[in-house]
Amino acid sequence: MITEANIAGLIDLLEEDVRASGGDLAITSALVELRKESPMSEKIRVANLALPPHLKPDGLNLLGRLYQVLSEGVHSLSDAECLERAKTISECLAFLVSELASRKQHQARFKSVVGRL
């Protein structure tokens, strides 16, 4: 699955974001633990806790929803139904990774500017 294949990179981005924004040490520790063998559902649960609030409007569990849709596709949807959902899934993942990467770049740029003061 695409989510499972890329979860390590997503966990890296989330961990960097939590550390850079002075986030909860418990979440950072949980993300480190996820690198070990953990069920995908646990990885999704902890990764969702680490998402910045602006990526969870109204408490939306984007990662959980993506995992649910992908699981449904594997277990019960036709190929045609999966293809219909693939574009939306791709857009969601691209947005999530883009937002986290952008935030990381902005934080690095800001540190550089402040460092020149």
PDB file of N, CA and C in Angstrom:
ATOM      1  N   MET A   1       0.824  -1.192   0.000  1.00  0.00           N
ATOM      2  CA  MET A   1       0.000   0.000   0.000  1.00  0.00           C
ATOM      3  C   MET A   1       0.865   1.252   0.000  1.00  0.00           C
ATOM      4  N   ILE A   2       0.401   2.259  -0.679  1.00  0.00           N
ATOM      5  CA  ILE A   2       1.165   3.503  -0.766  1.00  0.00           C
ATOM      6  C   ILE A   2       1.378   4.129   0.599  1.00  0.00           C
ATOM      7  N   THR A   3       0.373   4.097   1.454  1.00  0.00           N
ATOM      8  CA  THR A   3       0.521   4.699   2.781  1.00  0.00           C
ATOM      9  C   THR A   3       1.562   3.953   3.593  1.00  0.00           C
ATOM     10  N   GLU A   4       1.502   2.623   3.559  1.00  0.00           N
ATOM     11  CA  GLU A   4       2.456   1.830   4.318  1.00  0.00           C
ATOM     12  C   GLU A   4       3.867   2.004   3.778  1.00  0.00           C
ATOM     13  N   ALA A   5       4.007   2.095   2.462  1.00  0.00           N
ATOM     14  CA  ALA A   5       5.332   2.239   1.857  1.00  0.00           C
ATOM     15  C   ALA A   5       5.960   3.589   2.179  1.00  0.00           C
ATOM     16  N   ASN A   6       5.149   4.606   2.406  1.00  0.00           N
ATOM     17  CA  ASN A   6       5.665   5.957   2.625  1.00  0.00           C
ATOM     18  C   ASN A   6       5.515   6.454   4.055  1.00  0.00           C
ATOM     19  N   ILE A   7       5.039   5.611   4.950  1.00  0.00           N
ATOM     20  CA  ILE A   7       4.786   6.069   6.316  1.00  0.00           C
ATOM     21  C   ILE A   7       6.076   6.478   7.021  1.00  0.00           C
ATOM     22  N   ALA A   8       7.194   5.824   6.717  1.00  0.00           N
ATOM     23  CA  ALA A   8       8.461   6.180   7.369  1.00  0.00           C
ATOM     24  C   ALA A   8       8.842   7.626   7.057  1.00  0.00           C
ATOM     25  N   GLY A   9       8.698   8.033   5.810  1.00  0.00           N
ATOM     26  CA  GLY A   9       9.004   9.414   5.442  1.00  0.00           C
ATOM     27  C   GLY A   9       8.061  10.399   6.102  1.00  0.00           C
ATOM     28  N   LEU A  10       6.798  10.027   6.199  1.00  0.00           N
ATOM     29  CA  LEU A  10       5.820  10.885   6.856  1.00  0.00           C
ATOM     30  C   LEU A  10       6.132  11.010   8.341  1.00  0.00           C
ATOM     31  N   ILE A  11       6.512   9.905   8.964  1.00  0.00           N
ATOM     32  CA  ILE A  11       6.887   9.928  10.385  1.00  0.00           C
ATOM     33  C   ILE A  11       8.104  10.830  10.579  1.00  0.00           C
ATOM     34  N   ASP A  12       9.066  10.771   9.662  1.00  0.00           N
ATOM     35  CA  ASP A  12      10.242  11.652   9.739  1.00  0.00           C
ATOM     36  C   ASP A  12       9.817  13.116   9.713  1.00  0.00           C
ATOM     37  N   LEU A  13       8.948  13.486   8.765  1.00  0.00           N
ATOM     38  CA  LEU A  13       8.490  14.871   8.664  1.00  0.00           C
ATOM     39  C   LEU A  13       7.737  15.301   9.918  1.00  0.00           C
ATOM     40  N   LEU A  14       6.886  14.423  10.428  1.00  0.00           N
ATOM     41  CA  LEU A  14       6.130  14.752  11.635  1.00  0.00           C
ATOM     42  C   LEU A  14       7.053  14.923  12.834  1.00  0.00           C
ATOM     43  N   GLU A  15       8.025  14.026  12.960  1.00  0.00           N
ATOM     44  CA  GLU A  15       8.964  14.119  14.085  1.00  0.00           C
ATOM     45  C   GLU A  15       9.757  15.422  14.014  1.00  0.00           C
ATOM     46  N   GLU A  16      10.232  15.774  12.829  1.00  0.00           N
ATOM     47  CA  GLU A  16      10.972  17.026  12.664  1.00  0.00           C
ATOM     48  C   GLU A  16      10.093  18.223  13.000  1.00  0.00           C
ATOM     49  N   ASP A  17       8.828  18.163  12.577  1.00  0.00           N
ATOM     50  CA  ASP A  17       7.911  19.266  12.845  1.00  0.00           C
ATOM     51  C   ASP A  17       7.645  19.406  14.343  1.00  0.00           C
ATOM     52  N   VAL A  18       7.430  18.302  15.033  1.00  0.00           N
ATOM     53  CA  VAL A  18       7.169  18.343  16.473  1.00  0.00           C
ATOM     54  C   VAL A  18       8.388  18.895  17.202  1.00  0.00           C
ATOM     55  N   ARG A  19       9.573  18.419  16.832  1.00  0.00           N
ATOM     56  CA  ARG A  19      10.801  18.901  17.484  1.00  0.00           C
ATOM     57  C   ARG A  19      11.026  20.395  17.213  1.00  0.00           C
ATOM     58  N   ALA A  20      10.843  20.797  15.956  1.00  0.00           N
ATOM     59  CA  ALA A  20      11.107  22.193  15.577  1.00  0.00           C
ATOM     60  C   ALA A  20      10.136  23.167  16.229  1.00  0.00           C
ATOM     61  N   SER A  21       8.928  22.706  16.493  1.00  0.00           N
ATOM     62  CA  SER A  21       7.948  23.606  17.090  1.00  0.00           C
ATOM     63  C   SER A  21       7.838  23.423  18.599  1.00  0.00           C
ATOM     64  N   GLY A  22       8.806  22.710  19.181  1.00  0.00           N
ATOM     65  CA  GLY A  22       8.816  22.537  20.631  1.00  0.00           C
ATOM     66  C   GLY A  22       7.629  21.743  21.133  1.00  0.00           C
ATOM     67  N   GLY A  23       7.216  20.762  20.343  1.00  0.00           N
ATOM     68  CA  GLY A  23       6.043  19.970  20.671  1.00  0.00           C
ATOM     69  C   GLY A  23       6.250  19.018  21.835  1.00  0.00           C
ATOM     70  N   ASP A  24       5.238  18.278  22.097  1.00  0.00           N
ATOM     71  CA  ASP A  24       5.159  17.343  23.208  1.00  0.00           C
ATOM     72  C   ASP A  24       6.220  16.243  23.080  1.00  0.00           C
ATOM     73  N   LEU A  25       7.040  16.082  24.115  1.00  0.00           N
ATOM     74  CA  LEU A  25       8.080  15.063  24.131  1.00  0.00           C
ATOM     75  C   LEU A  25       7.484  13.669  24.032  1.00  0.00           C
ATOM     76  N   ALA A  26       6.308  13.453  24.598  1.00  0.00           N
ATOM     77  CA  ALA A  26       5.656  12.142  24.535  1.00  0.00           C
ATOM     78  C   ALA A  26       5.322  11.771  23.089  1.00  0.00           C
ATOM     79  N   ILE A  27       4.911  12.764  22.301  1.00  0.00           N
ATOM     80  CA  ILE A  27       4.603  12.489  20.894  1.00  0.00           C
ATOM     81  C   ILE A  27       5.884  12.167  20.143  1.00  0.00           C
ATOM     82  N   THR A  28       6.948  12.899  20.409  1.00  0.00           N
ATOM     83  CA  THR A  28       8.225  12.612  19.764  1.00  0.00           C
ATOM     84  C   THR A  28       8.683  11.198  20.097  1.00  0.00           C
ATOM     85  N   SER A  29       8.579  10.825  21.348  1.00  0.00           N
ATOM     86  CA  SER A  29       8.968   9.472  21.772  1.00  0.00           C
ATOM     87  C   SER A  29       8.112   8.415  21.086  1.00  0.00           C
ATOM     88  N   ALA A  30       6.818   8.678  20.982  1.00  0.00           N
ATOM     89  CA  ALA A  30       5.919   7.730  20.329  1.00  0.00           C
ATOM     90  C   ALA A  30       6.273   7.580  18.850  1.00  0.00           C
ATOM     91  N   LEU A  31       6.632   8.674  18.208  1.00  0.00           N
ATOM     92  CA  LEU A  31       7.021   8.605  16.791  1.00  0.00           C
ATOM     93  C   LEU A  31       8.305   7.787  16.623  1.00  0.00           C
ATOM     94  N   VAL A  32       9.246   7.954  17.534  1.00  0.00           N
ATOM     95  CA  VAL A  32      10.486   7.168  17.486  1.00  0.00           C
ATOM     96  C   VAL A  32      10.155   5.683  17.634  1.00  0.00           C
ATOM     97  N   GLU A  33       9.253   5.361  18.544  1.00  0.00           N
ATOM     98  CA  GLU A  33       8.856   3.966  18.761  1.00  0.00           C
ATOM     99  C   GLU A  33       8.185   3.356  17.532  1.00  0.00           C
ATOM    100  N   LEU A  34       7.517   4.175  16.758  1.00  0.00           N
ATOM    101  CA  LEU A  34       6.811   3.660  15.581  1.00  0.00           C
ATOM    102  C   LEU A  34       7.752   3.124  14.514  1.00  0.00           C
ATOM    103  N   ARG A  35       9.003   3.529  14.565  1.00  0.00           N
ATOM    104  CA  ARG A  35       9.965   3.014  13.587  1.00  0.00           C
ATOM    105  C   ARG A  35      10.172   1.521  13.796  1.00  0.00           C
ATOM    106  N   LYS A  36       9.892   1.060  14.988  1.00  0.00           N
ATOM    107  CA  LYS A  36       9.967  -0.368  15.274  1.00  0.00           C
ATOM    108  C   LYS A  36       8.709  -1.017  14.716  1.00  0.00           C
ATOM    109  N   GLU A  37       8.644  -2.305  14.784  1.00  0.00           N
ATOM    110  CA  GLU A  37       7.463  -3.008  14.289  1.00  0.00           C
ATOM    111  C   GLU A  37       6.233  -2.600  15.077  1.00  0.00           C
ATOM    112  N   SER A  38       5.305  -1.981  14.411  1.00  0.00           N
ATOM    113  CA  SER A  38       4.033  -1.569  15.006  1.00  0.00           C
ATOM    114  C   SER A  38       2.943  -1.821  13.985  1.00  0.00           C
ATOM    115  N   PRO A  39       1.751  -2.136  14.459  1.00  0.00           N
ATOM    116  CA  PRO A  39       0.648  -2.277  13.498  1.00  0.00           C
ATOM    117  C   PRO A  39       0.389  -0.939  12.801  1.00  0.00           C
ATOM    118  N   MET A  40      -0.014  -0.996  11.543  1.00  0.00           N
ATOM    119  CA  MET A  40      -0.257   0.225  10.787  1.00  0.00           C
ATOM    120  C   MET A  40      -1.302   1.095  11.481  1.00  0.00           C
ATOM    121  N   SER A  41      -2.305   0.485  12.085  1.00  0.00           N
ATOM    122  CA  SER A  41      -3.333   1.283  12.753  1.00  0.00           C
ATOM    123  C   SER A  41      -2.725   2.117  13.884  1.00  0.00           C
ATOM    124  N   GLU A  42      -1.729   1.581  14.588  1.00  0.00           N
ATOM    125  CA  GLU A  42      -1.071   2.335  15.661  1.00  0.00           C
ATOM    126  C   GLU A  42      -0.216   3.459  15.078  1.00  0.00           C
ATOM    127  N   LYS A  43       0.462   3.187  13.978  1.00  0.00           N
ATOM    128  CA  LYS A  43       1.257   4.225  13.326  1.00  0.00           C
ATOM    129  C   LYS A  43       0.366   5.387  12.892  1.00  0.00           C
ATOM    130  N   ILE A  44      -0.772   5.071  12.330  1.00  0.00           N
ATOM    131  CA  ILE A  44      -1.706   6.098  11.887  1.00  0.00           C
ATOM    132  C   ILE A  44      -2.221   6.895  13.084  1.00  0.00           C
ATOM    133  N   ARG A  45      -2.568   6.209  14.176  1.00  0.00           N
ATOM    134  CA  ARG A  45      -3.104   6.881  15.363  1.00  0.00           C
ATOM    135  C   ARG A  45      -2.095   7.874  15.922  1.00  0.00           C
ATOM    136  N   VAL A  46      -0.846   7.443  16.093  1.00  0.00           N
ATOM    137  CA  VAL A  46       0.172   8.317  16.679  1.00  0.00           C
ATOM    138  C   VAL A  46       0.560   9.424  15.707  1.00  0.00           C
ATOM    139  N   ALA A  47       0.689   9.099  14.438  1.00  0.00           N
ATOM    140  CA  ALA A  47       1.033  10.127  13.448  1.00  0.00           C
ATOM    141  C   ALA A  47      -0.044  11.205  13.408  1.00  0.00           C
ATOM    142  N   ASN A  48      -1.294  10.812  13.533  1.00  0.00           N
ATOM    143  CA  ASN A  48      -2.375  11.803  13.535  1.00  0.00           C
ATOM    144  C   ASN A  48      -2.288  12.704  14.761  1.00  0.00           C
ATOM    145  N   LEU A  49      -1.885  12.163  15.902  1.00  0.00           N
ATOM    146  CA  LEU A  49      -1.713  12.990  17.108  1.00  0.00           C
ATOM    147  C   LEU A  49      -0.628  14.048  16.895  1.00  0.00           C
ATOM    148  N   ALA A  50       0.366  13.714  16.084  1.00  0.00           N
ATOM    149  CA  ALA A  50       1.495  14.620  15.863  1.00  0.00           C
ATOM    150  C   ALA A  50       1.226  15.662  14.781  1.00  0.00           C
ATOM    151  N   LEU A  51       0.174  15.473  14.003  1.00  0.00           N
ATOM    152  CA  LEU A  51      -0.122  16.465  12.963  1.00  0.00           C
ATOM    153  C   LEU A  51      -0.412  17.822  13.594  1.00  0.00           C
ATOM    154  N   PRO A  52       0.134  18.884  13.020  1.00  0.00           N
ATOM    155  CA  PRO A  52      -0.186  20.222  13.524  1.00  0.00           C
ATOM    156  C   PRO A  52      -1.683  20.480  13.376  1.00  0.00           C
ATOM    157  N   PRO A  53      -2.255  21.287  14.258  1.00  0.00           N
ATOM    158  CA  PRO A  53      -3.698  21.544  14.215  1.00  0.00           C
ATOM    159  C   PRO A  53      -4.210  22.047  12.862  1.00  0.00           C
ATOM    160  N   HIS A  54      -3.405  22.826  12.140  1.00  0.00           N
ATOM    161  CA  HIS A  54      -3.889  23.341  10.859  1.00  0.00           C
ATOM    162  C   HIS A  54      -4.078  22.245   9.810  1.00  0.00           C
ATOM    163  N   LEU A  55      -3.545  21.041  10.080  1.00  0.00           N
ATOM    164  CA  LEU A  55      -3.743  19.913   9.174  1.00  0.00           C
ATOM    165  C   LEU A  55      -4.837  18.967   9.672  1.00  0.00           C
ATOM    166  N   LYS A  56      -5.544  19.398  10.727  1.00  0.00           N
ATOM    167  CA  LYS A  56      -6.658  18.611  11.266  1.00  0.00           C
ATOM    168  C   LYS A  56      -7.865  19.528  11.490  1.00  0.00           C
ATOM    169  N   PRO A  57      -8.376  20.158  10.434  1.00  0.00           N
ATOM    170  CA  PRO A  57      -9.504  21.071  10.632  1.00  0.00           C
ATOM    171  C   PRO A  57     -10.686  20.359  11.272  1.00  0.00           C
ATOM    172  N   ASP A  58     -11.249  20.996  12.291  1.00  0.00           N
ATOM    173  CA  ASP A  58     -12.378  20.429  13.034  1.00  0.00           C
ATOM    174  C   ASP A  58     -12.081  19.036  13.574  1.00  0.00           C
ATOM    175  N   GLY A  59     -10.803  18.763  13.882  1.00  0.00           N
ATOM    176  CA  GLY A  59     -10.426  17.470  14.451  1.00  0.00           C
ATOM    177  C   GLY A  59     -10.387  16.336  13.443  1.00  0.00           C
ATOM    178  N   LEU A  60     -10.448  16.647  12.160  1.00  0.00           N
ATOM    179  CA  LEU A  60     -10.437  15.644  11.106  1.00  0.00           C
ATOM    180  C   LEU A  60      -9.221  14.734  11.228  1.00  0.00           C
ATOM    181  N   ASN A  61      -9.439  13.440  11.180  1.00  0.00           N
ATOM    182  CA  ASN A  61      -8.354  12.474  11.220  1.00  0.00           C
ATOM    183  C   ASN A  61      -8.036  12.068   9.783  1.00  0.00           C
ATOM    184  N   LEU A  62      -7.281  12.916   9.095  1.00  0.00           N
ATOM    185  CA  LEU A  62      -6.962  12.684   7.686  1.00  0.00           C
ATOM    186  C   LEU A  62      -6.245  11.359   7.484  1.00  0.00           C
ATOM    187  N   LEU A  63      -5.243  11.076   8.297  1.00  0.00           N
ATOM    188  CA  LEU A  63      -4.481   9.845   8.108  1.00  0.00           C
ATOM    189  C   LEU A  63      -5.345   8.615   8.343  1.00  0.00           C
ATOM    190  N   GLY A  64      -6.172   8.669   9.365  1.00  0.00           N
ATOM    191  CA  GLY A  64      -7.074   7.556   9.627  1.00  0.00           C
ATOM    192  C   GLY A  64      -8.056   7.339   8.493  1.00  0.00           C
ATOM    193  N   ARG A  65      -8.572   8.439   7.959  1.00  0.00           N
ATOM    194  CA  ARG A  65      -9.517   8.340   6.845  1.00  0.00           C
ATOM    195  C   ARG A  65      -8.839   7.781   5.601  1.00  0.00           C
ATOM    196  N   LEU A  66      -7.623   8.231   5.320  1.00  0.00           N
ATOM    197  CA  LEU A  66      -6.894   7.701   4.168  1.00  0.00           C
ATOM    198  C   LEU A  66      -6.655   6.199   4.327  1.00  0.00           C
ATOM    199  N   TYR A  67      -6.239   5.811   5.506  1.00  0.00           N
ATOM    200  CA  TYR A  67      -5.984   4.393   5.756  1.00  0.00           C
ATOM    201  C   TYR A  67      -7.267   3.578   5.586  1.00  0.00           C
ATOM    202  N   GLN A  68      -8.374   4.102   6.081  1.00  0.00           N
ATOM    203  CA  GLN A  68      -9.659   3.413   5.964  1.00  0.00           C
ATOM    204  C   GLN A  68     -10.046   3.231   4.490  1.00  0.00           C
ATOM    205  N   VAL A  69      -9.906   4.298   3.712  1.00  0.00           N
ATOM    206  CA  VAL A  69     -10.264   4.231   2.292  1.00  0.00           C
ATOM    207  C   VAL A  69      -9.352   3.253   1.556  1.00  0.00           C
ATOM    208  N   LEU A  70      -8.069   3.284   1.851  1.00  0.00           N
ATOM    209  CA  LEU A  70      -7.146   2.358   1.193  1.00  0.00           C
ATOM    210  C   LEU A  70      -7.447   0.913   1.578  1.00  0.00           C
ATOM    211  N   SER A  71      -7.760   0.698   2.836  1.00  0.00           N
ATOM    212  CA  SER A  71      -8.100  -0.642   3.296  1.00  0.00           C
ATOM    213  C   SER A  71      -9.376  -1.144   2.626  1.00  0.00           C
ATOM    214  N   GLU A  72     -10.372  -0.267   2.526  1.00  0.00           N
ATOM    215  CA  GLU A  72     -11.611  -0.629   1.823  1.00  0.00           C
ATOM    216  C   GLU A  72     -11.306  -1.028   0.382  1.00  0.00           C
ATOM    217  N   GLY A  73     -10.414  -0.267  -0.252  1.00  0.00           N
ATOM    218  CA  GLY A  73     -10.057  -0.559  -1.635  1.00  0.00           C
ATOM    219  C   GLY A  73      -9.444  -1.926  -1.792  1.00  0.00           C
ATOM    220  N   VAL A  74      -8.549  -2.260  -0.891  1.00  0.00           N
ATOM    221  CA  VAL A  74      -7.872  -3.559  -0.958  1.00  0.00           C
ATOM    222  C   VAL A  74      -8.857  -4.701  -0.704  1.00  0.00           C
ATOM    223  N   HIS A  75      -9.765  -4.495   0.238  1.00  0.00           N
ATOM    224  CA  HIS A  75     -10.605  -5.599   0.685  1.00  0.00           C
ATOM    225  C   HIS A  75     -11.977  -5.688   0.024  1.00  0.00           C
ATOM    226  N   SER A  76     -12.503  -4.584  -0.503  1.00  0.00           N
ATOM    227  CA  SER A  76     -13.886  -4.705  -0.966  1.00  0.00           C
ATOM    228  C   SER A  76     -14.268  -3.909  -2.213  1.00  0.00           C
ATOM    229  N   LEU A  77     -13.431  -3.030  -2.716  1.00  0.00           N
ATOM    230  CA  LEU A  77     -13.823  -2.227  -3.871  1.00  0.00           C
ATOM    231  C   LEU A  77     -13.302  -2.827  -5.176  1.00  0.00           C
ATOM    232  N   SER A  78     -14.007  -2.528  -6.238  1.00  0.00           N
ATOM    233  CA  SER A  78     -13.564  -2.970  -7.559  1.00  0.00           C
ATOM    234  C   SER A  78     -12.386  -2.108  -8.015  1.00  0.00           C
ATOM    235  N   ASP A  79     -11.711  -2.550  -9.057  1.00  0.00           N
ATOM    236  CA  ASP A  79     -10.602  -1.765  -9.605  1.00  0.00           C
ATOM    237  C   ASP A  79     -11.086  -0.389 -10.056  1.00  0.00           C
ATOM    238  N   ALA A  80     -12.241  -0.338 -10.662  1.00  0.00           N
ATOM    239  CA  ALA A  80     -12.784   0.936 -11.141  1.00  0.00           C
ATOM    240  C   ALA A  80     -13.048   1.894  -9.986  1.00  0.00           C
ATOM    241  N   GLU A  81     -13.606   1.374  -8.886  1.00  0.00           N
ATOM    242  CA  GLU A  81     -13.869   2.219  -7.715  1.00  0.00           C
ATOM    243  C   GLU A  81     -12.560   2.705  -7.095  1.00  0.00           C
ATOM    244  N   CYS A  82     -11.569   1.842  -7.073  1.00  0.00           N
ATOM    245  CA  CYS A  82     -10.260   2.240  -6.536  1.00  0.00           C
ATOM    246  C   CYS A  82      -9.643   3.351  -7.376  1.00  0.00           C
ATOM    247  N   LEU A  83      -9.739   3.237  -8.680  1.00  0.00           N
ATOM    248  CA  LEU A  83      -9.190   4.272  -9.558  1.00  0.00           C
ATOM    249  C   LEU A  83      -9.899   5.602  -9.367  1.00  0.00           C
ATOM    250  N   GLU A  84     -11.206   5.560  -9.107  1.00  0.00           N
ATOM    251  CA  GLU A  84     -11.946   6.792  -8.858  1.00  0.00           C
ATOM    252  C   GLU A  84     -11.424   7.505  -7.616  1.00  0.00           C
ATOM    253  N   ARG A  85     -11.078   6.742  -6.608  1.00  0.00           N
ATOM    254  CA  ARG A  85     -10.608   7.325  -5.344  1.00  0.00           C
ATOM    255  C   ARG A  85      -9.126   7.670  -5.371  1.00  0.00           C
ATOM    256  N   ALA A  86      -8.379   7.073  -6.299  1.00  0.00           N
ATOM    257  CA  ALA A  86      -6.928   7.248  -6.319  1.00  0.00           C
ATOM    258  C   ALA A  86      -6.510   8.708  -6.464  1.00  0.00           C
ATOM    259  N   LYS A  87      -7.183   9.457  -7.306  1.00  0.00           N
ATOM    260  CA  LYS A  87      -6.807  10.856  -7.517  1.00  0.00           C
ATOM    261  C   LYS A  87      -6.999  11.663  -6.237  1.00  0.00           C
ATOM    262  N   THR A  88      -8.115  11.456  -5.570  1.00  0.00           N
ATOM    263  CA  THR A  88      -8.382  12.178  -4.318  1.00  0.00           C
ATOM    264  C   THR A  88      -7.370  11.792  -3.246  1.00  0.00           C
ATOM    265  N   ILE A  89      -7.060  10.520  -3.152  1.00  0.00           N
ATOM    266  CA  ILE A  89      -6.066  10.051  -2.184  1.00  0.00           C
ATOM    267  C   ILE A  89      -4.713  10.690  -2.481  1.00  0.00           C
ATOM    268  N   SER A  90      -4.351  10.706  -3.755  1.00  0.00           N
ATOM    269  CA  SER A  90      -3.085  11.305  -4.160  1.00  0.00           C
ATOM    270  C   SER A  90      -3.036  12.788  -3.799  1.00  0.00           C
ATOM    271  N   GLU A  91      -4.131  13.497  -4.028  1.00  0.00           N
ATOM    272  CA  GLU A  91      -4.190  14.922  -3.695  1.00  0.00           C
ATOM    273  C   GLU A  91      -4.053  15.139  -2.189  1.00  0.00           C
ATOM    274  N   CYS A  92      -4.707  14.289  -1.398  1.00  0.00           N
ATOM    275  CA  CYS A  92      -4.614  14.410   0.071  1.00  0.00           C
ATOM    276  C   CYS A  92      -3.185  14.191   0.551  1.00  0.00           C
ATOM    277  N   LEU A  93      -2.552  13.135   0.042  1.00  0.00           N
ATOM    278  CA  LEU A  93      -1.177  12.842   0.457  1.00  0.00           C
ATOM    279  C   LEU A  93      -0.219  13.940  -0.002  1.00  0.00           C
ATOM    280  N   ALA A  94      -0.395  14.417  -1.229  1.00  0.00           N
ATOM    281  CA  ALA A  94       0.474  15.483  -1.736  1.00  0.00           C
ATOM    282  C   ALA A  94       0.327  16.746  -0.890  1.00  0.00           C
ATOM    283  N   PHE A  95      -0.906  17.090  -0.518  1.00  0.00           N
ATOM    284  CA  PHE A  95      -1.140  18.260   0.319  1.00  0.00           C
ATOM    285  C   PHE A  95      -0.464  18.093   1.674  1.00  0.00           C
ATOM    286  N   LEU A  96      -0.670  16.959   2.305  1.00  0.00           N
ATOM    287  CA  LEU A  96      -0.118  16.711   3.627  1.00  0.00           C
ATOM    288  C   LEU A  96       1.407  16.802   3.620  1.00  0.00           C
ATOM    289  N   VAL A  97       2.047  16.100   2.717  1.00  0.00           N
ATOM    290  CA  VAL A  97       3.511  16.106   2.656  1.00  0.00           C
ATOM    291  C   VAL A  97       4.024  17.488   2.271  1.00  0.00           C
ATOM    292  N   SER A  98       3.351  18.149   1.330  1.00  0.00           N
ATOM    293  CA  SER A  98       3.753  19.491   0.908  1.00  0.00           C
ATOM    294  C   SER A  98       3.674  20.482   2.064  1.00  0.00           C
ATOM    295  N   GLU A  99       2.600  20.431   2.827  1.00  0.00           N
ATOM    296  CA  GLU A  99       2.434  21.343   3.963  1.00  0.00           C
ATOM    297  C   GLU A  99       3.511  21.116   5.018  1.00  0.00           C
ATOM    298  N   LEU A 100       3.798  19.853   5.323  1.00  0.00           N
ATOM    299  CA  LEU A 100       4.825  19.565   6.329  1.00  0.00           C
ATOM    300  C   LEU A 100       6.207  19.991   5.844  1.00  0.00           C
ATOM    301  N   ALA A 101       6.516  19.704   4.576  1.00  0.00           N
ATOM    302  CA  ALA A 101       7.816  20.081   4.022  1.00  0.00           C
ATOM    303  C   ALA A 101       7.952  21.601   3.946  1.00  0.00           C
ATOM    304  N   SER A 102       6.893  22.283   3.556  1.00  0.00           N
ATOM    305  CA  SER A 102       6.905  23.747   3.475  1.00  0.00           C
ATOM    306  C   SER A 102       7.137  24.362   4.848  1.00  0.00           C
ATOM    307  N   ARG A 103       6.455  23.833   5.837  1.00  0.00           N
ATOM    308  CA  ARG A 103       6.624  24.338   7.202  1.00  0.00           C
ATOM    309  C   ARG A 103       8.073  24.169   7.660  1.00  0.00           C
ATOM    310  N   LYS A 104       8.664  23.031   7.317  1.00  0.00           N
ATOM    311  CA  LYS A 104      10.062  22.770   7.674  1.00  0.00           C
ATOM    312  C   LYS A 104      10.980  23.801   7.010  1.00  0.00           C
ATOM    313  N   GLN A 105      10.746  24.082   5.733  1.00  0.00           N
ATOM    314  CA  GLN A 105      11.563  25.061   5.014  1.00  0.00           C
ATOM    315  C   GLN A 105      11.398  26.457   5.597  1.00  0.00           C
ATOM    316  N   HIS A 106      10.164  26.829   5.914  1.00  0.00           N
ATOM    317  CA  HIS A 106       9.911  28.152   6.490  1.00  0.00           C
ATOM    318  C   HIS A 106      10.583  28.300   7.855  1.00  0.00           C
ATOM    319  N   GLN A 107      10.541  27.252   8.648  1.00  0.00           N
ATOM    320  CA  GLN A 107      11.186  27.310   9.962  1.00  0.00           C
ATOM    321  C   GLN A 107      12.702  27.457   9.815  1.00  0.00           C
ATOM    322  N   ALA A 108      13.285  26.729   8.866  1.00  0.00           N
ATOM    323  CA  ALA A 108      14.733  26.825   8.643  1.00  0.00           C
ATOM    324  C   ALA A 108      15.112  28.227   8.172  1.00  0.00           C
ATOM    325  N   ARG A 109      14.313  28.791   7.271  1.00  0.00           N
ATOM    326  CA  ARG A 109      14.567  30.139   6.780  1.00  0.00           C
ATOM    327  C   ARG A 109      14.459  31.158   7.912  1.00  0.00           C
ATOM    328  N   PHE A 110      13.450  31.007   8.760  1.00  0.00           N
ATOM    329  CA  PHE A 110      13.246  31.914   9.881  1.00  0.00           C
ATOM    330  C   PHE A 110      14.419  31.827  10.860  1.00  0.00           C
ATOM    331  N   LYS A 111      14.882  30.626  11.154  1.00  0.00           N
ATOM    332  CA  LYS A 111      16.039  30.477  12.053  1.00  0.00           C
ATOM    333  C   LYS A 111      17.259  31.167  11.473  1.00  0.00           C
ATOM    334  N   SER A 112      17.433  31.049  10.164  1.00  0.00           N
ATOM    335  CA  SER A 112      18.570  31.687   9.495  1.00  0.00           C
ATOM    336  C   SER A 112      18.476  33.219   9.614  1.00  0.00           C
ATOM    337  N   VAL A 113      17.282  33.756   9.403  1.00  0.00           N
ATOM    338  CA  VAL A 113      17.081  35.210   9.493  1.00  0.00           C
ATOM    339  C   VAL A 113      17.331  35.682  10.920  1.00  0.00           C
ATOM    340  N   VAL A 114      16.771  34.990  11.885  1.00  0.00           N
ATOM    341  CA  VAL A 114      16.953  35.374  13.283  1.00  0.00           C
ATOM    342  C   VAL A 114      18.437  35.254  13.659  1.00  0.00           C
ATOM    343  N   GLY A 115      19.109  34.242  13.130  1.00  0.00           N
ATOM    344  CA  GLY A 115      20.523  34.056  13.416  1.00  0.00           C
ATOM    345  C   GLY A 115      21.397  35.186  12.903  1.00  0.00           C
ATOM    346  N   ARG A 116      20.918  35.902  11.887  1.00  0.00           N
ATOM    347  CA  ARG A 116      21.673  37.036  11.347  1.00  0.00           C
ATOM    348  C   ARG A 116      21.460  38.323  12.130  1.00  0.00           C
ATOM    349  N   LEU A 117      20.556  38.310  13.083  1.00  0.00           N
ATOM    350  CA  LEU A 117      20.295  39.522  13.884  1.00  0.00           C
ATOM    351  C   LEU A 117      21.460  39.845  14.799  1.00  0.00           C
TER     352      LEU A 117
END
